Structure formats: C-alpha cells, structure tokens
Amino acid sequence: MISYEETVIDGGSSVATVTVSPKFQVVIPREVRELLRLRPGERLQVFVFGDRIELIPVKKLSRMRGFLKGIATDVPRDEDRV
C-alpha cells in the first residue's frame, strides 16, 4: 500500500510525503504530476545527495528548443571564453 500526506509550509508551497512499498515503489502525488506535466512512461533521472533523493524529468532535446530565449548575452567574459 502506498500513501502520502501533504504538509503546507510557509510561502504556500506544499511538501508531499510518500511511503515506499514493499517492492520499493513510490507514487508521485497527482498534484506534483500535474504541476510537472508528467505522463506514464516518462523517464526520470535519480540523483542522490547525501541522504536526499531528487527525481528530475528527462526532457527530449526537441522540447528544450528556445528555453533560453531572451537570456542576456552581454555579460562580461574572459578573453579565452569569447
């Protein structure tokens, strides 16, 4: 059985707590899936930082097109980086 509880922290954001099943599975809460637009079969990268686990959705390169549009390119650079 997998369950989760949600706790609201200052700033209005919420933190979901999930339970690991006997098969070491967790369910990503609906609110998080909808917020990140996750779909069944989508891949996630798993990173471990100390005692913390982070799941990062893997995006196709074609979906990344234009995400830096409007970024400032007039920042000072070292001569060897121009």
PDB file of N, CA and C in Angstrom:
ATOM      1  N   MET A   1       0.843  -1.186   0.000  1.00  0.00           N
ATOM      2  CA  MET A   1       0.000   0.000   0.000  1.00  0.00           C
ATOM      3  C   MET A   1       0.886   1.245   0.000  1.00  0.00           C
ATOM      4  N   ILE A   2       0.541   2.195  -0.844  1.00  0.00           N
ATOM      5  CA  ILE A   2       1.301   3.429  -0.931  1.00  0.00           C
ATOM      6  C   ILE A   2       0.382   4.574  -0.536  1.00  0.00           C
ATOM      7  N   SER A   3       0.873   5.418   0.347  1.00  0.00           N
ATOM      8  CA  SER A   3       0.068   6.565   0.749  1.00  0.00           C
ATOM      9  C   SER A   3       0.972   7.779   0.841  1.00  0.00           C
ATOM     10  N   TYR A   4       0.358   8.939   0.873  1.00  0.00           N
ATOM     11  CA  TYR A   4       1.143  10.152   1.073  1.00  0.00           C
ATOM     12  C   TYR A   4       0.311  11.138   1.855  1.00  0.00           C
ATOM     13  N   GLU A   5       1.010  12.052   2.513  1.00  0.00           N
ATOM     14  CA  GLU A   5       0.337  13.138   3.210  1.00  0.00           C
ATOM     15  C   GLU A   5       0.975  14.430   2.757  1.00  0.00           C
ATOM     16  N   GLU A   6       0.235  15.496   2.807  1.00  0.00           N
ATOM     17  CA  GLU A   6       0.720  16.778   2.321  1.00  0.00           C
ATOM     18  C   GLU A   6       0.771  17.751   3.473  1.00  0.00           C
ATOM     19  N   THR A   7       1.871  18.495   3.555  1.00  0.00           N
ATOM     20  CA  THR A   7       2.057  19.493   4.587  1.00  0.00           C
ATOM     21  C   THR A   7       2.313  20.832   3.918  1.00  0.00           C
ATOM     22  N   VAL A   8       1.607  21.863   4.327  1.00  0.00           N
ATOM     23  CA  VAL A   8       1.816  23.195   3.767  1.00  0.00           C
ATOM     24  C   VAL A   8       2.864  23.900   4.608  1.00  0.00           C
ATOM     25  N   ILE A   9       3.882  24.462   3.924  1.00  0.00           N
ATOM     26  CA  ILE A   9       4.938  25.196   4.619  1.00  0.00           C
ATOM     27  C   ILE A   9       4.822  26.668   4.272  1.00  0.00           C
ATOM     28  N   ASP A  10       5.596  27.543   4.972  1.00  0.00           N
ATOM     29  CA  ASP A  10       5.462  28.977   4.710  1.00  0.00           C
ATOM     30  C   ASP A  10       5.754  29.280   3.242  1.00  0.00           C
ATOM     31  N   GLY A  11       5.075  30.266   2.727  1.00  0.00           N
ATOM     32  CA  GLY A  11       5.175  30.597   1.321  1.00  0.00           C
ATOM     33  C   GLY A  11       4.066  29.953   0.517  1.00  0.00           C
ATOM     34  N   GLY A  12       3.290  29.082   1.148  1.00  0.00           N
ATOM     35  CA  GLY A  12       2.162  28.471   0.466  1.00  0.00           C
ATOM     36  C   GLY A  12       2.500  27.228  -0.331  1.00  0.00           C
ATOM     37  N   SER A  13       3.811  26.863  -0.460  1.00  0.00           N
ATOM     38  CA  SER A  13       4.139  25.650  -1.195  1.00  0.00           C
ATOM     39  C   SER A  13       3.887  24.448  -0.298  1.00  0.00           C
ATOM     40  N   SER A  14       3.701  23.310  -0.918  1.00  0.00           N
ATOM     41  CA  SER A  14       3.410  22.125  -0.129  1.00  0.00           C
ATOM     42  C   SER A  14       4.473  21.062  -0.340  1.00  0.00           C
ATOM     43  N   VAL A  15       4.626  20.235   0.643  1.00  0.00           N
ATOM     44  CA  VAL A  15       5.574  19.139   0.602  1.00  0.00           C
ATOM     45  C   VAL A  15       4.768  17.857   0.763  1.00  0.00           C
ATOM     46  N   ALA A  16       4.910  16.952  -0.188  1.00  0.00           N
ATOM     47  CA  ALA A  16       4.207  15.676  -0.105  1.00  0.00           C
ATOM     48  C   ALA A  16       5.144  14.632   0.485  1.00  0.00           C
ATOM     49  N   THR A  17       4.621  13.811   1.369  1.00  0.00           N
ATOM     50  CA  THR A  17       5.368  12.708   1.947  1.00  0.00           C
ATOM     51  C   THR A  17       4.804  11.424   1.369  1.00  0.00           C
ATOM     52  N   VAL A  18       5.656  10.604   0.759  1.00  0.00           N
ATOM     53  CA  VAL A  18       5.207   9.344   0.176  1.00  0.00           C
ATOM     54  C   VAL A  18       5.764   8.192   0.990  1.00  0.00           C
ATOM     55  N   THR A  19       5.154   7.036   0.848  1.00  0.00           N
ATOM     56  CA  THR A  19       5.585   5.834   1.552  1.00  0.00           C
ATOM     57  C   THR A  19       6.141   4.839   0.549  1.00  0.00           C
ATOM     58  N   VAL A  20       7.263   4.234   0.867  1.00  0.00           N
ATOM     59  CA  VAL A  20       7.870   3.232  -0.004  1.00  0.00           C
ATOM     60  C   VAL A  20       7.154   1.904   0.224  1.00  0.00           C
ATOM     61  N   SER A  21       6.713   1.272  -0.876  1.00  0.00           N
ATOM     62  CA  SER A  21       6.004  -0.007  -0.790  1.00  0.00           C
ATOM     63  C   SER A  21       6.995  -1.142  -0.527  1.00  0.00           C
ATOM     64  N   PRO A  22       6.512  -2.336  -0.214  1.00  0.00           N
ATOM     65  CA  PRO A  22       7.414  -3.482  -0.029  1.00  0.00           C
ATOM     66  C   PRO A  22       8.245  -3.787  -1.282  1.00  0.00           C
ATOM     67  N   LYS A  23       7.778  -3.352  -2.446  1.00  0.00           N
ATOM     68  CA  LYS A  23       8.530  -3.539  -3.694  1.00  0.00           C
ATOM     69  C   LYS A  23       9.424  -2.330  -3.989  1.00  0.00           C
ATOM     70  N   PHE A  24       9.600  -1.442  -3.013  1.00  0.00           N
ATOM     71  CA  PHE A  24      10.410  -0.232  -3.124  1.00  0.00           C
ATOM     72  C   PHE A  24       9.876   0.726  -4.192  1.00  0.00           C
ATOM     73  N   GLN A  25       8.563   0.798  -4.319  1.00  0.00           N
ATOM     74  CA  GLN A  25       7.928   1.711  -5.266  1.00  0.00           C
ATOM     75  C   GLN A  25       7.314   2.879  -4.506  1.00  0.00           C
ATOM     76  N   VAL A  26       7.259   4.040  -5.164  1.00  0.00           N
ATOM     77  CA  VAL A  26       6.561   5.199  -4.626  1.00  0.00           C
ATOM     78  C   VAL A  26       5.644   5.753  -5.710  1.00  0.00           C
ATOM     79  N   VAL A  27       4.586   6.419  -5.295  1.00  0.00           N
ATOM     80  CA  VAL A  27       3.674   7.064  -6.228  1.00  0.00           C
ATOM     81  C   VAL A  27       3.897   8.560  -6.127  1.00  0.00           C
ATOM     82  N   ILE A  28       4.102   9.194  -7.280  1.00  0.00           N
ATOM     83  CA  ILE A  28       4.248  10.647  -7.305  1.00  0.00           C
ATOM     84  C   ILE A  28       2.847  11.228  -7.180  1.00  0.00           C
ATOM     85  N   PRO A  29       2.587  12.068  -6.181  1.00  0.00           N
ATOM     86  CA  PRO A  29       1.241  12.602  -5.970  1.00  0.00           C
ATOM     87  C   PRO A  29       0.697  13.324  -7.211  1.00  0.00           C
ATOM     88  N   ARG A  30      -0.604  13.217  -7.408  1.00  0.00           N
ATOM     89  CA  ARG A  30      -1.278  13.795  -8.570  1.00  0.00           C
ATOM     90  C   ARG A  30      -0.928  15.264  -8.767  1.00  0.00           C
ATOM     91  N   GLU A  31      -0.942  16.036  -7.674  1.00  0.00           N
ATOM     92  CA  GLU A  31      -0.665  17.466  -7.776  1.00  0.00           C
ATOM     93  C   GLU A  31       0.721  17.716  -8.364  1.00  0.00           C
ATOM     94  N   VAL A  32       1.700  16.907  -7.980  1.00  0.00           N
ATOM     95  CA  VAL A  32       3.065  17.053  -8.485  1.00  0.00           C
ATOM     96  C   VAL A  32       3.120  16.622  -9.949  1.00  0.00           C
ATOM     97  N   ARG A  33       2.472  15.496 -10.278  1.00  0.00           N
ATOM     98  CA  ARG A  33       2.444  15.031 -11.676  1.00  0.00           C
ATOM     99  C   ARG A  33       1.834  16.076 -12.587  1.00  0.00           C
ATOM    100  N   GLU A  34       0.736  16.682 -12.141  1.00  0.00           N
ATOM    101  CA  GLU A  34       0.070  17.693 -12.961  1.00  0.00           C
ATOM    102  C   GLU A  34       0.918  18.958 -13.082  1.00  0.00           C
ATOM    103  N   LEU A  35       1.526  19.374 -11.989  1.00  0.00           N
ATOM    104  CA  LEU A  35       2.363  20.567 -11.997  1.00  0.00           C
ATOM    105  C   LEU A  35       3.532  20.420 -12.969  1.00  0.00           C
ATOM    106  N   LEU A  36       4.163  19.245 -12.974  1.00  0.00           N
ATOM    107  CA  LEU A  36       5.318  18.989 -13.835  1.00  0.00           C
ATOM    108  C   LEU A  36       4.932  18.390 -15.183  1.00  0.00           C
ATOM    109  N   ARG A  37       3.633  18.176 -15.383  1.00  0.00           N
ATOM    110  CA  ARG A  37       3.116  17.595 -16.636  1.00  0.00           C
ATOM    111  C   ARG A  37       3.762  16.247 -16.943  1.00  0.00           C
ATOM    112  N   LEU A  38       3.884  15.407 -15.920  1.00  0.00           N
ATOM    113  CA  LEU A  38       4.452  14.076 -16.098  1.00  0.00           C
ATOM    114  C   LEU A  38       3.412  13.151 -16.720  1.00  0.00           C
ATOM    115  N   ARG A  39       3.859  12.253 -17.570  1.00  0.00           N
ATOM    116  CA  ARG A  39       2.984  11.299 -18.242  1.00  0.00           C
ATOM    117  C   ARG A  39       3.490   9.889 -17.977  1.00  0.00           C
ATOM    118  N   PRO A  40       2.608   8.882 -18.031  1.00  0.00           N
ATOM    119  CA  PRO A  40       3.043   7.497 -17.844  1.00  0.00           C
ATOM    120  C   PRO A  40       4.137   7.132 -18.850  1.00  0.00           C
ATOM    121  N   GLY A  41       5.155   6.439 -18.390  1.00  0.00           N
ATOM    122  CA  GLY A  41       6.247   6.022 -19.253  1.00  0.00           C
ATOM    123  C   GLY A  41       7.371   7.040 -19.362  1.00  0.00           C
ATOM    124  N   GLU A  42       7.156   8.245 -18.830  1.00  0.00           N
ATOM    125  CA  GLU A  42       8.190   9.274 -18.888  1.00  0.00           C
ATOM    126  C   GLU A  42       9.356   8.866 -17.989  1.00  0.00           C
ATOM    127  N   ARG A  43      10.564   9.171 -18.442  1.00  0.00           N
ATOM    128  CA  ARG A  43      11.755   8.797 -17.698  1.00  0.00           C
ATOM    129  C   ARG A  43      12.160   9.905 -16.727  1.00  0.00           C
ATOM    130  N   LEU A  44      12.712   9.487 -15.577  1.00  0.00           N
ATOM    131  CA  LEU A  44      13.205  10.416 -14.568  1.00  0.00           C
ATOM    132  C   LEU A  44      14.646  10.033 -14.229  1.00  0.00           C
ATOM    133  N   GLN A  45      15.507  11.031 -14.088  1.00  0.00           N
ATOM    134  CA  GLN A  45      16.854  10.772 -13.595  1.00  0.00           C
ATOM    135  C   GLN A  45      16.792  10.793 -12.072  1.00  0.00           C
ATOM    136  N   VAL A  46      17.564   9.923 -11.445  1.00  0.00           N
ATOM    137  CA  VAL A  46      17.595   9.834  -9.985  1.00  0.00           C
ATOM    138  C   VAL A  46      18.962  10.294  -9.506  1.00  0.00           C
ATOM    139  N   PHE A  47      18.977  11.301  -8.640  1.00  0.00           N
ATOM    140  CA  PHE A  47      20.209  11.816  -8.057  1.00  0.00           C
ATOM    141  C   PHE A  47      20.152  11.625  -6.556  1.00  0.00           C
ATOM    142  N   VAL A  48      21.278  11.251  -5.976  1.00  0.00           N
ATOM    143  CA  VAL A  48      21.379  11.097  -4.524  1.00  0.00           C
ATOM    144  C   VAL A  48      22.376  12.136  -4.029  1.00  0.00           C
ATOM    145  N   PHE A  49      21.926  12.968  -3.088  1.00  0.00           N
ATOM    146  CA  PHE A  49      22.758  13.985  -2.455  1.00  0.00           C
ATOM    147  C   PHE A  49      22.711  13.740  -0.951  1.00  0.00           C
ATOM    148  N   GLY A  50      23.734  13.091  -0.442  1.00  0.00           N
ATOM    149  CA  GLY A  50      23.741  12.771   0.987  1.00  0.00           C
ATOM    150  C   GLY A  50      22.597  11.823   1.300  1.00  0.00           C
ATOM    151  N   ASP A  51      21.662  12.287   2.141  1.00  0.00           N
ATOM    152  CA  ASP A  51      20.506  11.457   2.493  1.00  0.00           C
ATOM    153  C   ASP A  51      19.247  11.895   1.757  1.00  0.00           C
ATOM    154  N   ARG A  52      19.414  12.575   0.612  1.00  0.00           N
ATOM    155  CA  ARG A  52      18.281  13.115  -0.145  1.00  0.00           C
ATOM    156  C   ARG A  52      18.267  12.510  -1.543  1.00  0.00           C
ATOM    157  N   ILE A  53      17.058  12.241  -2.067  1.00  0.00           N
ATOM    158  CA  ILE A  53      16.864  11.730  -3.422  1.00  0.00           C
ATOM    159  C   ILE A  53      16.131  12.796  -4.220  1.00  0.00           C
ATOM    160  N   GLU A  54      16.615  13.080  -5.436  1.00  0.00           N
ATOM    161  CA  GLU A  54      15.923  14.009  -6.322  1.00  0.00           C
ATOM    162  C   GLU A  54      15.589  13.290  -7.614  1.00  0.00           C
ATOM    163  N   LEU A  55      14.369  13.500  -8.104  1.00  0.00           N
ATOM    164  CA  LEU A  55      13.922  12.937  -9.376  1.00  0.00           C
ATOM    165  C   LEU A  55      13.785  14.088 -10.365  1.00  0.00           C
ATOM    166  N   ILE A  56      14.489  14.006 -11.488  1.00  0.00           N
ATOM    167  CA  ILE A  56      14.481  15.060 -12.491  1.00  0.00           C
ATOM    168  C   ILE A  56      13.920  14.481 -13.790  1.00  0.00           C
ATOM    169  N   PRO A  57      12.826  15.051 -14.315  1.00  0.00           N
ATOM    170  CA  PRO A  57      12.285  14.536 -15.581  1.00  0.00           C
ATOM    171  C   PRO A  57      13.300  14.694 -16.710  1.00  0.00           C
ATOM    172  N   VAL A  58      13.444  13.647 -17.522  1.00  0.00           N
ATOM    173  CA  VAL A  58      14.321  13.686 -18.692  1.00  0.00           C
ATOM    174  C   VAL A  58      13.500  14.279 -19.835  1.00  0.00           C
ATOM    175  N   LYS A  59      13.977  15.375 -20.395  1.00  0.00           N
ATOM    176  CA  LYS A  59      13.268  16.049 -21.484  1.00  0.00           C
ATOM    177  C   LYS A  59      13.968  15.759 -22.805  1.00  0.00           C
ATOM    178  N   LYS A  60      13.184  15.577 -23.856  1.00  0.00           N
ATOM    179  CA  LYS A  60      13.755  15.401 -25.181  1.00  0.00           C
ATOM    180  C   LYS A  60      14.401  16.712 -25.598  1.00  0.00           C
ATOM    181  N   LEU A  61      15.475  16.614 -26.354  1.00  0.00           N
ATOM    182  CA  LEU A  61      16.187  17.796 -26.794  1.00  0.00           C
ATOM    183  C   LEU A  61      15.276  18.719 -27.599  1.00  0.00           C
ATOM    184  N   SER A  62      14.354  18.153 -28.361  1.00  0.00           N
ATOM    185  CA  SER A  62      13.444  18.976 -29.164  1.00  0.00           C
ATOM    186  C   SER A  62      12.532  19.833 -28.285  1.00  0.00           C
ATOM    187  N   ARG A  63      12.220  19.372 -27.076  1.00  0.00           N
ATOM    188  CA  ARG A  63      11.383  20.159 -26.155  1.00  0.00           C
ATOM    189  C   ARG A  63      12.166  21.292 -25.503  1.00  0.00           C
ATOM    190  N   MET A  64      13.493  21.227 -25.572  1.00  0.00           N
ATOM    191  CA  MET A  64      14.332  22.243 -24.954  1.00  0.00           C
ATOM    192  C   MET A  64      14.528  23.441 -25.877  1.00  0.00           C
ATOM    193  N   ARG A  65      14.161  23.313 -27.136  1.00  0.00           N
ATOM    194  CA  ARG A  65      14.385  24.376 -28.107  1.00  0.00           C
ATOM    195  C   ARG A  65      13.736  25.678 -27.632  1.00  0.00           C
ATOM    196  N   GLY A  66      14.529  26.749 -27.582  1.00  0.00           N
ATOM    197  CA  GLY A  66      14.009  28.064 -27.243  1.00  0.00           C
ATOM    198  C   GLY A  66      13.910  28.369 -25.760  1.00  0.00           C
ATOM    199  N   PHE A  67      14.325  27.450 -24.881  1.00  0.00           N
ATOM    200  CA  PHE A  67      14.136  27.715 -23.453  1.00  0.00           C
ATOM    201  C   PHE A  67      15.069  28.803 -22.933  1.00  0.00           C
ATOM    202  N   LEU A  68      16.105  29.145 -23.701  1.00  0.00           N
ATOM    203  CA  LEU A  68      16.996  30.237 -23.290  1.00  0.00           C
ATOM    204  C   LEU A  68      16.690  31.533 -24.026  1.00  0.00           C
ATOM    205  N   LYS A  69      15.592  31.578 -24.743  1.00  0.00           N
ATOM    206  CA  LYS A  69      15.232  32.767 -25.495  1.00  0.00           C
ATOM    207  C   LYS A  69      15.132  33.969 -24.552  1.00  0.00           C
ATOM    208  N   GLY A  70      15.789  35.059 -24.942  1.00  0.00           N
ATOM    209  CA  GLY A  70      15.737  36.261 -24.130  1.00  0.00           C
ATOM    210  C   GLY A  70      16.814  36.363 -23.077  1.00  0.00           C
ATOM    211  N   ILE A  71      17.678  35.347 -22.965  1.00  0.00           N
ATOM    212  CA  ILE A  71      18.735  35.391 -21.953  1.00  0.00           C
ATOM    213  C   ILE A  71      19.746  36.485 -22.320  1.00  0.00           C
ATOM    214  N   ALA A  72      20.257  37.177 -21.330  1.00  0.00           N
ATOM    215  CA  ALA A  72      21.230  38.259 -21.554  1.00  0.00           C
ATOM    216  C   ALA A  72      22.555  37.660 -22.025  1.00  0.00           C
ATOM    217  N   THR A  73      23.043  38.139 -23.164  1.00  0.00           N
ATOM    218  CA  THR A  73      24.319  37.648 -23.694  1.00  0.00           C
ATOM    219  C   THR A  73      25.404  38.708 -23.629  1.00  0.00           C
ATOM    220  N   ASP A  74      25.084  39.851 -23.041  1.00  0.00           N
ATOM    221  CA  ASP A  74      26.050  40.953 -22.982  1.00  0.00           C
ATOM    222  C   ASP A  74      26.784  41.011 -21.633  1.00  0.00           C
ATOM    223  N   VAL A  75      27.019  39.864 -21.041  1.00  0.00           N
ATOM    224  CA  VAL A  75      27.724  39.816 -19.769  1.00  0.00           C
ATOM    225  C   VAL A  75      29.226  39.823 -20.019  1.00  0.00           C
ATOM    226  N   PRO A  76      30.035  40.376 -19.099  1.00  0.00           N
ATOM    227  CA  PRO A  76      31.495  40.383 -19.274  1.00  0.00           C
ATOM    228  C   PRO A  76      32.027  38.948 -19.314  1.00  0.00           C
ATOM    229  N   ARG A  77      32.955  38.681 -20.242  1.00  0.00           N
ATOM    230  CA  ARG A  77      33.535  37.347 -20.375  1.00  0.00           C
ATOM    231  C   ARG A  77      35.053  37.434 -20.398  1.00  0.00           C
ATOM    232  N   ASP A  78      35.688  36.384 -19.955  1.00  0.00           N
ATOM    233  CA  ASP A  78      37.144  36.280 -20.053  1.00  0.00           C
ATOM    234  C   ASP A  78      37.515  36.174 -21.520  1.00  0.00           C
ATOM    235  N   GLU A  79      38.729  36.666 -21.873  1.00  0.00           N
ATOM    236  CA  GLU A  79      39.163  36.669 -23.274  1.00  0.00           C
ATOM    237  C   GLU A  79      39.138  35.281 -23.882  1.00  0.00           C
ATOM    238  N   ASP A  80      39.493  34.255 -23.102  1.00  0.00           N
ATOM    239  CA  ASP A  80      39.547  32.902 -23.652  1.00  0.00           C
ATOM    240  C   ASP A  80      38.154  32.264 -23.763  1.00  0.00           C
ATOM    241  N   ARG A  81      37.103  32.957 -23.367  1.00  0.00           N
ATOM    242  CA  ARG A  81      35.743  32.413 -23.406  1.00  0.00           C
ATOM    243  C   ARG A  81      34.862  33.084 -24.466  1.00  0.00           C
ATOM    244  N   VAL A  82      35.454  33.993 -25.260  1.00  0.00           N
ATOM    245  CA  VAL A  82      34.659  34.729 -26.243  1.00  0.00           C
ATOM    246  C   VAL A  82      34.444  33.922 -27.485  1.00  0.00           C
TER     247      VAL A  82
END
